[in-house]
Amino acid sequence: MTPSRTRWTPAALVAALTVFACGGAHRSQAGVSPEPKLARQDDISAIAKAKADSEEILAAAQAEWTELNASVPPLVDAIQGRVDTLTKSRKLPKDVDKATFETIKTDFETVKTDWTSATQEFTAGAAADAVRKGRAARAKAEEIQAKLGMNS
């Protein structure tokens, strides 16, 4: 019989689909039961625990993001104001020479880019990645703030 003329009885079709779902015909030929295994209660419990853990991690990341989002933009604005003022001024703070100030400006541009990226990550639903990037941006901004002699 050619495949186009093969007629499947309902029982044969169910048996073929069951074998396929279990990994192919080789299992039935090897004497392995072609019936799919049902999920055990242990598996279901482990999946439920993993889901609860991931929801807890997500909630913690969202809470930390809320704190970061409240603290980083004002910090960036304050540094931007200080950098703008020092750029216009001819006098740099004590312990900051021209080369250091140029490095600070470059690092500050990186902070702004990293913060923008973190914000985009959070908006896209990747809260954990956003928090990691936000923490790094805040740490670098605080370092710049200290170098510029700004009050924390």
Protein backbone atom coordinates (compact mmCIF):
# COMPACT_ATOMS: atom_id res chain seq x y z
CA MET A 1 0.00 0.00 0.00
CA THR A 2 1.26 3.47 -0.74
CA PRO A 3 1.10 6.13 1.95
CA SER A 4 -1.64 8.01 0.15
CA ARG A 5 -3.88 4.96 0.30
CA THR A 6 -3.19 3.99 3.90
CA ARG A 7 -6.26 4.05 6.07
CA TRP A 8 -5.76 4.54 9.79
CA THR A 9 -8.21 3.11 12.21
CA PRO A 10 -8.79 5.28 15.27
CA ALA A 11 -7.01 2.74 17.50
CA ALA A 12 -4.00 2.56 15.17
CA LEU A 13 -3.79 6.34 14.98
CA VAL A 14 -3.88 6.68 18.79
CA ALA A 15 -1.19 4.00 19.13
CA ALA A 16 1.04 5.69 16.53
CA LEU A 17 0.65 9.10 18.19
CA THR A 18 1.39 7.60 21.61
CA VAL A 19 4.57 5.98 20.30
CA PHE A 20 5.56 9.27 18.67
CA ALA A 21 4.92 11.19 21.91
CA CYS A 22 7.11 8.76 23.83
CA GLY A 23 10.08 9.17 21.56
CA GLY A 24 9.47 7.08 18.51
CA ALA A 25 8.84 3.56 17.37
CA HIS A 26 12.14 2.25 18.70
CA ARG A 27 10.73 2.24 22.24
CA SER A 28 7.80 0.01 21.37
CA GLN A 29 10.09 -2.33 19.45
CA ALA A 30 12.44 -2.55 22.44
CA GLY A 31 9.61 -3.64 24.70
CA VAL A 32 9.31 -0.32 26.49
CA SER A 33 5.79 0.79 27.20
CA PRO A 34 4.79 3.50 24.70
CA GLU A 35 2.47 5.16 27.23
CA PRO A 36 3.57 8.63 28.25
CA LYS A 37 4.48 9.04 31.91
CA LEU A 38 2.27 11.25 33.98
CA ALA A 39 3.94 13.98 36.01
CA ARG A 40 4.67 12.81 39.52
CA GLN A 41 3.57 14.86 42.50
CA ASP A 42 7.25 15.53 43.32
CA ASP A 43 7.74 17.06 39.87
CA ILE A 44 4.64 19.20 40.25
CA SER A 45 5.79 20.38 43.69
CA ALA A 46 9.25 21.25 42.37
CA ILE A 47 7.76 23.22 39.49
CA ALA A 48 5.43 25.10 41.85
CA LYS A 49 8.34 25.91 44.18
CA ALA A 50 10.50 27.13 41.30
CA LYS A 51 7.65 29.33 40.09
CA ALA A 52 7.14 30.80 43.57
CA ASP A 53 10.88 31.42 43.91
CA SER A 54 11.04 33.18 40.54
CA GLU A 55 8.04 35.34 41.45
CA GLU A 56 9.76 36.26 44.73
CA ILE A 57 12.97 37.17 42.91
CA LEU A 58 11.02 39.24 40.40
CA ALA A 59 9.20 41.11 43.19
CA ALA A 60 12.53 41.85 44.92
CA ALA A 61 14.05 43.07 41.66
CA GLN A 62 11.06 45.32 40.99
CA ALA A 63 11.27 46.77 44.51
CA GLU A 64 14.98 47.45 44.11
CA TRP A 65 14.35 49.00 40.71
CA THR A 66 11.83 51.37 42.28
CA GLU A 67 14.52 52.50 44.73
CA LEU A 68 17.14 52.83 41.98
CA ASN A 69 14.75 54.74 39.76
CA ALA A 70 14.12 57.18 42.61
CA SER A 71 17.81 57.72 43.42
CA VAL A 72 19.83 57.51 40.20
CA PRO A 73 18.16 60.17 38.00
CA PRO A 74 18.57 62.94 40.63
CA LEU A 75 22.19 61.83 41.13
CA VAL A 76 22.81 61.99 37.39
CA ASP A 77 21.18 65.43 37.21
CA ALA A 78 23.35 66.72 40.06
CA ILE A 79 26.53 65.41 38.45
CA GLN A 80 25.46 66.86 35.08
CA GLY A 81 25.03 70.28 36.70
CA ARG A 82 28.43 70.05 38.38
CA VAL A 83 30.16 68.91 35.18
CA ASP A 84 28.50 71.72 33.20
CA THR A 85 29.57 74.29 35.81
CA LEU A 86 33.15 73.02 35.88
CA THR A 87 33.33 72.88 32.09
CA LYS A 88 32.42 76.59 31.91
CA SER A 89 34.70 77.47 34.82
CA ARG A 90 38.44 77.81 34.55
CA LYS A 91 38.99 76.46 38.04
CA LEU A 92 38.71 72.75 38.85
CA PRO A 93 38.24 71.36 42.35
CA LYS A 94 41.25 70.47 44.46
CA ASP A 95 42.65 67.03 43.53
CA VAL A 96 41.10 67.20 40.04
CA ASP A 97 43.44 68.08 37.19
CA LYS A 98 42.42 68.53 33.57
CA ALA A 99 43.16 64.91 32.59
CA THR A 100 41.19 63.59 35.57
CA PHE A 101 38.29 65.86 34.70
CA GLU A 102 38.26 64.55 31.11
CA THR A 103 38.20 60.99 32.48
CA ILE A 104 35.34 61.95 34.79
CA LYS A 105 33.37 63.36 31.85
CA THR A 106 33.94 60.20 29.82
CA ASP A 107 32.94 58.00 32.78
CA PHE A 108 29.85 60.13 33.31
CA GLU A 109 28.77 59.63 29.69
CA THR A 110 29.12 55.89 30.30
CA VAL A 111 26.93 56.19 33.42
CA LYS A 112 24.21 57.96 31.41
CA THR A 113 24.37 55.32 28.67
CA ASP A 114 24.26 52.49 31.22
CA TRP A 115 21.30 54.06 33.01
CA THR A 116 19.41 54.45 29.74
CA SER A 117 20.14 50.82 28.94
CA ALA A 118 18.95 49.72 32.39
CA THR A 119 15.73 51.68 31.94
CA GLN A 120 15.14 50.03 28.57
CA GLU A 121 15.80 46.59 30.08
CA PHE A 122 13.23 47.22 32.82
CA THR A 123 10.68 48.48 30.32
CA ALA A 124 11.25 45.32 28.26
CA GLY A 125 10.46 43.19 31.32
CA ALA A 126 14.00 42.16 32.28
CA ALA A 127 13.91 43.49 35.83
CA ALA A 128 16.87 41.47 37.12
CA ASP A 129 19.15 42.64 34.29
CA ALA A 130 17.92 46.20 34.75
CA VAL A 131 18.74 46.09 38.45
CA ARG A 132 22.27 44.79 37.76
CA LYS A 133 22.91 47.59 35.26
CA GLY A 134 21.24 50.15 37.53
CA ARG A 135 23.43 49.15 40.48
CA ALA A 136 26.56 49.49 38.34
CA ALA A 137 25.44 52.91 37.06
CA ARG A 138 24.70 54.12 40.59
CA ALA A 139 28.06 52.88 41.91
CA LYS A 140 29.94 54.63 39.10
CA ALA A 141 27.91 57.82 39.59
CA GLU A 142 28.69 57.81 43.32
CA GLU A 143 32.37 57.35 42.49
CA ILE A 144 32.25 60.33 40.12
CA GLN A 145 30.41 62.35 42.74
CA ALA A 146 33.19 61.63 45.26
CA LYS A 147 35.91 62.56 42.75
CA LEU A 148 34.19 65.88 42.11
CA GLY A 149 33.99 66.55 45.83
CA MET A 150 30.21 66.70 45.82
CA ASN A 151 28.28 66.06 49.02
CA SER A 152 26.57 62.68 49.01
